[in-house]
Structure formats: C-alpha cells, structure tokens
Protein backbone atom coordinates (compact mmCIF):
# COMPACT_ATOMS: atom_id res chain seq x y z
CA UNK A 1 10.96 23.31 -5.04
CA UNK A 2 10.76 20.96 -7.37
CA UNK A 3 13.04 18.19 -9.35
CA UNK A 4 12.56 15.88 -12.18
CA UNK A 5 14.23 13.08 -13.04
CA UNK A 6 13.90 11.39 -16.35
CA UNK A 7 15.34 7.62 -16.94
CA UNK A 8 15.15 5.55 -20.45
CA UNK A 9 15.47 1.22 -19.33
CA UNK A 10 15.87 -1.44 -20.91
CA UNK A 11 13.49 -4.59 -19.84
CA UNK A 12 14.43 -7.69 -21.72
CA UNK A 13 11.60 -10.45 -22.20
CA UNK A 14 11.76 -14.30 -21.97
CA UNK A 15 10.58 -14.57 -25.51
CA UNK A 16 9.80 -11.96 -28.42
CA UNK A 17 6.30 -10.43 -28.42
CA UNK A 18 4.74 -10.91 -31.42
CA UNK A 19 2.33 -9.08 -33.06
CA UNK A 20 0.56 -8.14 -36.65
CA UNK A 21 3.33 -5.21 -37.21
CA UNK A 22 6.33 -5.73 -35.44
CA UNK A 23 8.48 -7.32 -32.99
CA UNK A 24 9.74 -6.97 -29.55
CA UNK A 25 12.91 -8.27 -27.62
CA UNK A 26 12.75 -5.96 -24.50
CA UNK A 27 10.65 -3.14 -22.99
CA UNK A 28 11.50 -0.08 -23.38
CA UNK A 29 10.82 2.20 -21.27
CA UNK A 30 10.78 6.04 -19.55
CA UNK A 31 11.05 6.63 -15.79
CA UNK A 32 9.65 9.89 -15.01
CA UNK A 33 10.58 10.97 -11.27
CA UNK A 34 9.33 14.17 -9.26
CA UNK A 35 10.36 14.99 -5.95
CA UNK A 36 8.74 18.30 -3.78
CA UNK A 37 9.28 18.86 -0.06
CA UNK A 38 10.71 14.93 0.62
CA UNK A 39 7.48 13.45 -0.82
CA UNK A 40 8.01 11.55 -4.24
CA UNK A 41 6.00 10.58 -7.10
CA UNK A 42 6.68 8.38 -10.41
CA UNK A 43 5.68 7.60 -13.50
CA UNK A 44 6.28 4.63 -16.20
CA UNK A 45 5.41 4.62 -20.09
CA UNK A 46 6.90 2.55 -23.01
CA UNK A 47 9.11 3.94 -25.79
CA UNK A 48 7.05 2.89 -28.80
CA UNK A 49 8.64 4.88 -30.60
CA UNK A 50 11.46 2.84 -30.80
CA UNK A 51 9.76 0.19 -32.36
CA UNK A 52 7.36 2.54 -34.08
CA UNK A 53 9.08 5.25 -36.72
CA UNK A 54 6.01 7.33 -37.07
CA UNK A 55 5.72 7.71 -33.38
CA UNK A 56 6.57 11.42 -31.84
CA UNK A 57 9.79 10.78 -30.02
CA UNK A 58 8.65 10.42 -26.50
CA UNK A 59 11.50 11.01 -24.30
CA UNK A 60 12.27 14.46 -26.34
CA UNK A 61 8.28 15.25 -25.66
CA UNK A 62 8.70 15.08 -21.81
CA UNK A 63 11.86 16.62 -21.74
CA UNK A 64 10.07 19.49 -23.32
CA UNK A 65 7.95 19.87 -19.96
CA UNK A 66 10.98 19.50 -17.34
CA UNK A 67 11.31 22.97 -16.71
CA UNK A 68 7.30 23.69 -16.01
CA UNK A 69 6.61 21.11 -13.62
CA UNK A 70 10.00 22.07 -12.09
CA UNK A 71 8.27 25.53 -11.58
CA UNK A 72 4.95 23.52 -10.06
CA UNK A 73 2.73 23.18 -13.42
CA UNK A 74 -0.32 20.66 -11.96
CA UNK A 75 -1.69 17.69 -13.41
CA UNK A 76 -4.86 19.77 -14.63
CA UNK A 77 -2.55 22.02 -16.59
CA UNK A 78 -0.54 19.50 -17.68
CA UNK A 79 -2.75 18.56 -20.94
CA UNK A 80 -2.27 22.15 -22.44
CA UNK A 81 1.42 21.12 -23.03
CA UNK A 82 1.30 17.38 -23.51
CA UNK A 83 -0.90 15.55 -25.56
CA UNK A 84 -2.55 12.36 -24.79
CA UNK A 85 -0.28 9.55 -25.67
CA UNK A 86 2.97 7.63 -23.18
CA UNK A 87 4.63 11.03 -22.74
CA UNK A 88 2.11 13.02 -20.55
CA UNK A 89 1.44 9.09 -18.64
CA UNK A 90 4.35 8.80 -17.15
CA UNK A 91 4.23 12.58 -16.26
CA UNK A 92 0.63 12.47 -14.79
CA UNK A 93 1.58 10.00 -13.02
CA UNK A 94 3.93 10.62 -11.69
CA UNK A 95 2.21 14.26 -10.02
CA UNK A 96 -0.27 12.02 -9.18
CA UNK A 97 1.14 9.64 -6.75
CA UNK A 98 3.54 13.26 -5.31
CA UNK A 99 -0.09 15.43 -5.24
CA UNK A 100 -1.36 11.65 -2.89
CA UNK A 101 2.06 11.50 -1.14
CA UNK A 102 2.09 15.50 -0.40
CA UNK A 103 -1.45 14.88 0.99
CA UNK A 104 -1.27 12.18 3.33
CA UNK A 105 -2.73 9.73 1.63
CA UNK A 106 -2.90 6.44 -0.84
CA UNK A 107 -3.22 7.07 -4.71
CA UNK A 108 -6.47 4.42 -4.32
CA UNK A 109 -8.08 7.63 -1.83
CA UNK A 110 -6.98 10.20 -4.12
CA UNK A 111 -8.99 8.34 -6.96
CA UNK A 112 -11.74 8.23 -4.97
CA UNK A 113 -11.76 3.85 -4.49
CA UNK A 114 -12.97 3.54 -0.69
CA UNK A 115 -10.69 0.66 -0.40
CA UNK A 116 -7.44 -1.04 -1.55
CA UNK A 117 -7.46 -2.71 -4.70
CA UNK A 118 -8.38 -5.63 -4.53
CA UNK A 119 -6.74 -8.84 -6.64
CA UNK A 120 -8.23 -8.69 -10.29
CA UNK A 121 -7.41 -11.85 -12.87
CA UNK A 122 -5.25 -10.76 -16.03
CA UNK A 123 -5.19 -12.17 -19.14
CA UNK A 124 -1.99 -13.91 -20.06
CA UNK A 125 -1.03 -12.81 -24.08
CA UNK A 126 0.03 -15.70 -26.67
CA UNK A 127 2.50 -13.68 -29.67
CA UNK A 128 1.49 -14.21 -32.85
CA UNK A 129 3.12 -17.49 -34.49
CA UNK A 130 1.82 -20.47 -36.64
CA UNK A 131 -1.07 -22.12 -35.42
CA UNK A 132 1.67 -25.27 -34.57
CA UNK A 133 3.67 -22.69 -32.18
CA UNK A 134 0.40 -21.00 -30.49
CA UNK A 135 -0.96 -24.29 -29.34
CA UNK A 136 2.36 -25.61 -27.70
CA UNK A 137 2.09 -22.14 -26.16
CA UNK A 138 -1.11 -22.24 -25.55
CA UNK A 139 -0.49 -25.90 -24.35
CA UNK A 140 1.97 -24.75 -21.66
CA UNK A 141 -0.27 -21.62 -20.19
CA UNK A 142 -4.03 -23.67 -20.26
CA UNK A 143 -4.33 -23.55 -16.27
CA UNK A 144 -4.54 -19.80 -16.61
CA UNK A 145 -7.79 -19.08 -16.83
CA UNK A 146 -8.39 -16.32 -19.88
CA UNK A 147 -5.78 -15.95 -22.46
CA UNK A 148 -5.31 -13.38 -25.55
CA UNK A 149 -4.55 -14.40 -28.56
CA UNK A 150 -2.78 -11.88 -30.58
CA UNK A 151 -4.11 -12.19 -34.35
CA UNK A 152 -4.22 -9.85 -37.50
CA UNK A 153 -2.63 -12.32 -40.23
CA UNK A 154 -3.76 -15.54 -42.67
CA UNK A 155 -4.53 -18.32 -41.25
CA UNK A 156 -6.20 -16.95 -37.80
CA UNK A 157 -8.63 -19.09 -37.97
CA UNK A 158 -6.38 -21.80 -37.57
CA UNK A 159 -4.88 -20.41 -34.84
CA UNK A 160 -7.84 -20.16 -32.65
CA UNK A 161 -8.92 -23.93 -33.90
CA UNK A 162 -5.63 -24.94 -32.47
CA UNK A 163 -5.38 -22.81 -29.52
CA UNK A 164 -9.15 -23.86 -28.49
CA UNK A 165 -7.60 -27.67 -28.77
CA UNK A 166 -4.87 -27.14 -26.54
CA UNK A 167 -6.84 -24.94 -23.87
CA UNK A 168 -10.40 -26.53 -23.56
CA UNK A 169 -10.96 -24.97 -20.63
CA UNK A 170 -9.54 -21.95 -21.16
CA UNK A 171 -11.40 -18.08 -21.47
CA UNK A 172 -10.17 -16.77 -25.00
CA UNK A 173 -9.95 -13.51 -26.59
CA UNK A 174 -8.47 -11.68 -29.25
CA UNK A 175 -6.33 -8.99 -30.56
CA UNK A 176 -5.82 -8.47 -34.13
CA UNK A 177 -4.55 -5.16 -33.76
CA UNK A 178 -6.41 -3.68 -37.25
CA UNK A 179 -4.73 -6.67 -39.03
CA UNK A 180 -8.37 -7.76 -40.82
CA UNK A 181 -10.73 -6.17 -43.15
CA UNK A 182 -14.21 -6.20 -42.57
CA UNK A 183 -14.89 -8.47 -45.35
CA UNK A 184 -12.83 -11.43 -42.54
CA UNK A 185 -14.44 -9.76 -39.35
CA UNK A 186 -17.61 -11.32 -40.66
CA UNK A 187 -15.86 -14.82 -42.60
CA UNK A 188 -15.21 -14.57 -38.96
CA UNK A 189 -17.84 -14.44 -36.73
CA UNK A 190 -19.49 -16.82 -36.09
CA UNK A 191 -16.54 -19.95 -36.20
CA UNK A 192 -15.26 -17.67 -32.89
CA UNK A 193 -18.81 -17.86 -31.36
CA UNK A 194 -18.52 -21.94 -31.85
CA UNK A 195 -14.57 -21.76 -30.65
CA UNK A 196 -16.09 -19.78 -27.46
CA UNK A 197 -14.09 -16.64 -28.13
CA UNK A 198 -15.48 -13.73 -25.66
CA UNK A 199 -14.17 -10.23 -27.26
CA UNK A 200 -12.36 -8.61 -30.12
CA UNK A 201 -9.74 -6.48 -29.48
CA UNK A 202 -9.68 -3.87 -32.87
CA UNK A 203 -10.18 -6.39 -35.67
CA UNK A 204 -10.10 -2.92 -37.64
CA UNK A 205 -8.03 -0.76 -39.46
CA UNK A 206 -9.27 2.85 -39.27
CA UNK A 207 -10.35 3.51 -42.72
CA UNK A 208 -12.93 0.22 -42.55
CA UNK A 209 -13.98 0.54 -39.46
CA UNK A 210 -16.85 2.84 -39.88
CA UNK A 211 -18.34 -0.72 -41.40
CA UNK A 212 -19.01 -1.72 -37.22
CA UNK A 213 -21.79 0.84 -37.21
CA UNK A 214 -24.99 -1.28 -36.91
CA UNK A 215 -23.02 -4.52 -36.96
CA UNK A 216 -24.15 -5.74 -33.64
CA UNK A 217 -21.98 -8.68 -34.08
CA UNK A 218 -22.46 -11.93 -31.64
CA UNK A 219 -19.40 -10.99 -29.93
CA UNK A 220 -18.44 -7.82 -27.93
CA UNK A 221 -15.87 -5.81 -30.25
CA UNK A 222 -13.59 -3.04 -28.47
CA UNK A 223 -12.50 -0.06 -29.48
CA UNK A 224 -7.99 -0.06 -28.79
CA UNK A 225 -6.73 1.75 -31.05
CA UNK A 226 -9.49 3.74 -31.44
CA UNK A 227 -10.37 4.96 -28.06
CA UNK A 228 -6.90 7.15 -26.88
CA UNK A 229 -9.01 9.73 -24.09
CA UNK A 230 -12.49 11.27 -23.83
CA UNK A 231 -12.35 12.62 -27.12
CA UNK A 232 -12.96 9.45 -28.67
CA UNK A 233 -15.87 8.08 -27.12
CA UNK A 234 -18.58 9.63 -29.50
CA UNK A 235 -17.25 8.39 -32.59
CA UNK A 236 -17.38 4.79 -31.18
CA UNK A 237 -21.08 4.63 -30.37
CA UNK A 238 -22.95 2.82 -32.01
CA UNK A 239 -19.48 0.85 -33.01
CA UNK A 240 -17.66 -0.90 -30.63
CA UNK A 241 -19.23 -2.55 -27.22
CA UNK A 242 -16.32 -1.63 -24.87
CA UNK A 243 -13.38 0.02 -25.05
CA UNK A 244 -9.99 -0.64 -23.81
CA UNK A 245 -8.01 2.25 -21.43
CA UNK A 246 -4.24 1.86 -22.24
CA UNK A 247 -2.66 4.89 -19.79
CA UNK A 248 0.15 5.24 -22.47
CA UNK A 249 -2.95 6.33 -24.88
CA UNK A 250 -4.84 8.45 -22.00
CA UNK A 251 -1.84 10.64 -21.17
CA UNK A 252 -2.33 9.16 -18.20
CA UNK A 253 -4.64 8.10 -14.74
CA UNK A 254 -6.22 11.08 -14.56
CA UNK A 255 -7.59 10.96 -17.79
CA UNK A 256 -7.81 7.12 -17.62
CA UNK A 257 -9.86 7.44 -14.59
CA UNK A 258 -12.45 10.63 -16.55
CA UNK A 259 -12.64 8.49 -19.35
CA UNK A 260 -13.45 5.42 -16.73
CA UNK A 261 -16.68 7.26 -15.53
CA UNK A 262 -17.26 8.54 -19.21
CA UNK A 263 -17.89 5.16 -20.85
CA UNK A 264 -19.49 3.71 -18.01
CA UNK A 265 -22.13 6.31 -18.25
CA UNK A 266 -22.32 5.60 -22.34
CA UNK A 267 -22.84 2.17 -21.38
CA UNK A 268 -19.39 0.79 -23.20
CA UNK A 269 -18.24 -2.40 -21.23
CA UNK A 270 -14.23 -1.80 -19.69
CA UNK A 271 -11.58 -3.35 -20.56
CA UNK A 272 -8.14 -1.68 -18.53
CA UNK A 273 -4.82 -2.89 -21.12
CA UNK A 274 -1.08 -2.06 -20.79
CA UNK A 275 1.60 -1.74 -23.36
CA UNK A 276 5.29 -4.02 -22.23
CA UNK A 277 6.33 -2.73 -18.91
CA UNK A 278 6.94 -2.94 -14.90
CA UNK A 279 5.02 -3.15 -12.10
CA UNK A 280 5.08 0.48 -11.73
CA UNK A 281 3.37 1.61 -15.15
CA UNK A 282 0.74 -1.65 -14.16
CA UNK A 283 0.00 -0.45 -10.72
CA UNK A 284 -1.98 2.53 -11.66
CA UNK A 285 -3.84 0.41 -14.38
CA UNK A 286 -4.62 -1.64 -11.64
CA UNK A 287 -6.99 0.74 -9.32
CA UNK A 288 -8.55 1.38 -13.35
CA UNK A 289 -9.38 -2.42 -13.08
CA UNK A 290 -11.14 -2.36 -10.36
CA UNK A 291 -14.19 -1.93 -12.29
CA UNK A 292 -13.29 -3.99 -15.66
CA UNK A 293 -14.78 -6.65 -17.32
CA UNK A 294 -11.55 -7.46 -19.10
CA UNK A 295 -8.64 -6.80 -17.47
CA UNK A 296 -4.97 -6.96 -19.43
CA UNK A 297 -1.78 -5.67 -17.09
CA UNK A 298 -0.34 -8.90 -17.58
CA UNK A 299 3.73 -6.85 -18.67
CA UNK A 300 5.54 -8.06 -16.22
CA UNK A 301 5.17 -11.74 -17.08
CA UNK A 302 6.00 -11.34 -20.18
CA UNK A 303 10.09 -10.05 -18.61
CA UNK A 304 12.78 -11.64 -17.53
CA UNK A 305 12.81 -9.90 -14.70
CA UNK A 306 10.24 -7.17 -12.96
CA UNK A 307 10.81 -4.09 -10.59
CA UNK A 308 11.48 -4.57 -6.30
CA UNK A 309 9.17 -3.67 -4.92
CA UNK A 310 6.87 -5.13 -7.76
CA UNK A 311 2.99 -6.11 -7.48
CA UNK A 312 2.21 -10.05 -6.72
CA UNK A 313 1.43 -12.22 -10.32
CA UNK A 314 0.24 -15.52 -8.26
CA UNK A 315 -0.89 -17.51 -11.79
CA UNK A 316 -2.94 -14.92 -13.04
CA UNK A 317 -4.10 -13.20 -10.31
CA UNK A 318 -2.83 -9.68 -9.99
CA UNK A 319 -2.70 -8.85 -6.31
CA UNK A 320 -1.42 -5.01 -5.00
CA UNK A 321 1.47 -4.49 -2.92
CA UNK A 322 2.20 -1.10 -1.09
CA UNK A 323 5.39 0.71 -2.06
CA UNK A 324 5.31 -0.22 -5.72
CA UNK A 325 3.29 3.45 -6.63
CA UNK A 326 1.10 5.37 -4.31
C-alpha cells in the first residue's frame, strides 16, 4: 500500500533574488514523499504561484492526484493527470526515486547512466541591480569560473561592461528573462561578443521570438521560458541554438531525460537549469547535467542554509552525495 505526503517549506535567501519581473526573499517549495513497502521516494518543486498570480495553484494540483498516486498510479501514467510543470515535477521525482529504491538500484542507474554522477561546474547567478551594485557583486565572486547575469531592463550594456571590468577572467552568460525587444537584441549582440559573453538565455517575449528565425547570432541563444517539454521543440527549431531543461518546466526527471535525448538528436546544445530550491531539487537535475554544455544548479548557493544531507558545493563545483536523492 502506498502513502503520499505533501509538505510546504520556506527557505530564506541570503539576499533578495531579483529578475526582470519579480523579487524573491525566500525559496518557497513543496516536497512530495511517497512510501510503499518500506521504500521511499521524494521530490521537490518551487511554488512559483506564490510570486506570480498568473501561475496555477501548484499545491492544489499536487493534492488532486494524491488519491491516484496512493492507488498505484505510475510515472508513465502521471502525464495523463498533470500537465508539464512544477506540480508534476515533485510527484514524478518522488515516483522515480521510489521506483529505484524498490528495484534496488540508484536513480542514476534507473536514468541510464553508466556511472555515478561526476562533478559539474555550475554558474553563479547575479541578481538584477544597478551596474555599480552588480559590478560589486561580481568583484566578490570573480574567483568563480562562470557567472550568470540577470538582465532585462534599460542599461543592460552598462551592467555587462561594469561586470566585465570587475571580473575580467570570468566566463559570462546572460539571462534577460524575456525583457528585451528584438531591436535591443540586435543592438546588443556585437557589443556582447566583444565583452566575451558566451550565451544569451531567453532574450525576447513570446510574441517576438519568431523574429529569431534565420538570425544566425554570433552568440548562442537559449530557449528557457519557451522550452517546456518535447512538444516545444518543433517551434524552437531555427530560432534557438540551445535549450534550457528545467525539471519544474518538463514535469520531472522522466520527461527531462526524454527532452535531453530528443533535443540532442535535433542538434540543440543543452543547458540544465533550476528554480530556487534545495539540494533535493538539484540532485535530479545533476543527472541531466552530465551531458550539458552549461549547468545552472546554483539554487542552494542562494539560500541561507540547505538540507542535510545536501549536495557538496565546493566553490562552483557540484559534487554528488549519496542519500540526497536516489
């Protein structure tokens, strides 16, 4: 017999996390735990509906499938009852770990990896702020190999120039969170090339992204908000050079693995990203990160504290720790 529990948690941040459309003071997450025959599976997702009123009620969505999960609903059947997104992610990851434990194997073996996850280098994210404040933050973090800059407002070139001066030897990637127009993108591109920016994540809002067709940019452009699951891929062809796989978008590790495989077949570079969360949310993404060009699983680095046990973050290097998940 199965039992499913649902817990809401709040994890304070070191400092406010600011992007082009919102400000967060805490990580708001939901943890799903499924128990069966002495085995346990867990999954975590972020509650974006707490910050953005247009999001569906994630807690209510998870609660809606509890009777089905307790009746034995499988991972394969779950998409019939929950759409891709955060709610399905928490449940799917819990079922994935449960299945691995019941089979007596690790989650990385169930995912098809030949070896336990190797360490990966994650970006470290700088919140959107004034050029001066972002430069100061970059100076404090310029020992890190790669910084991700949250942009998407007027003055972004000034921000990048100031950050580059403060961190001259650090790799830079950009996330505009749909905050630019196509005209701004065209204007910024040559300057960003000269500043050594190596990737731009989701610069345009949905209504303008068709303008990316045939652009052939000097810097790869990554689809984030526009890449949910495999159904997104046909529309992204010819517009983006890479996709950002986030489990809170795909609806869990099951679809995340499938999206990784299909995206690679279609020639997309791979980025693996995260929402704000603990190591429990990052550990499934670490499996996908083994095949990613860019890795963004720095969520726990933004928190005042993490779970115990937790993934081991040594600077920007993320190390697998047995017992966190899987």
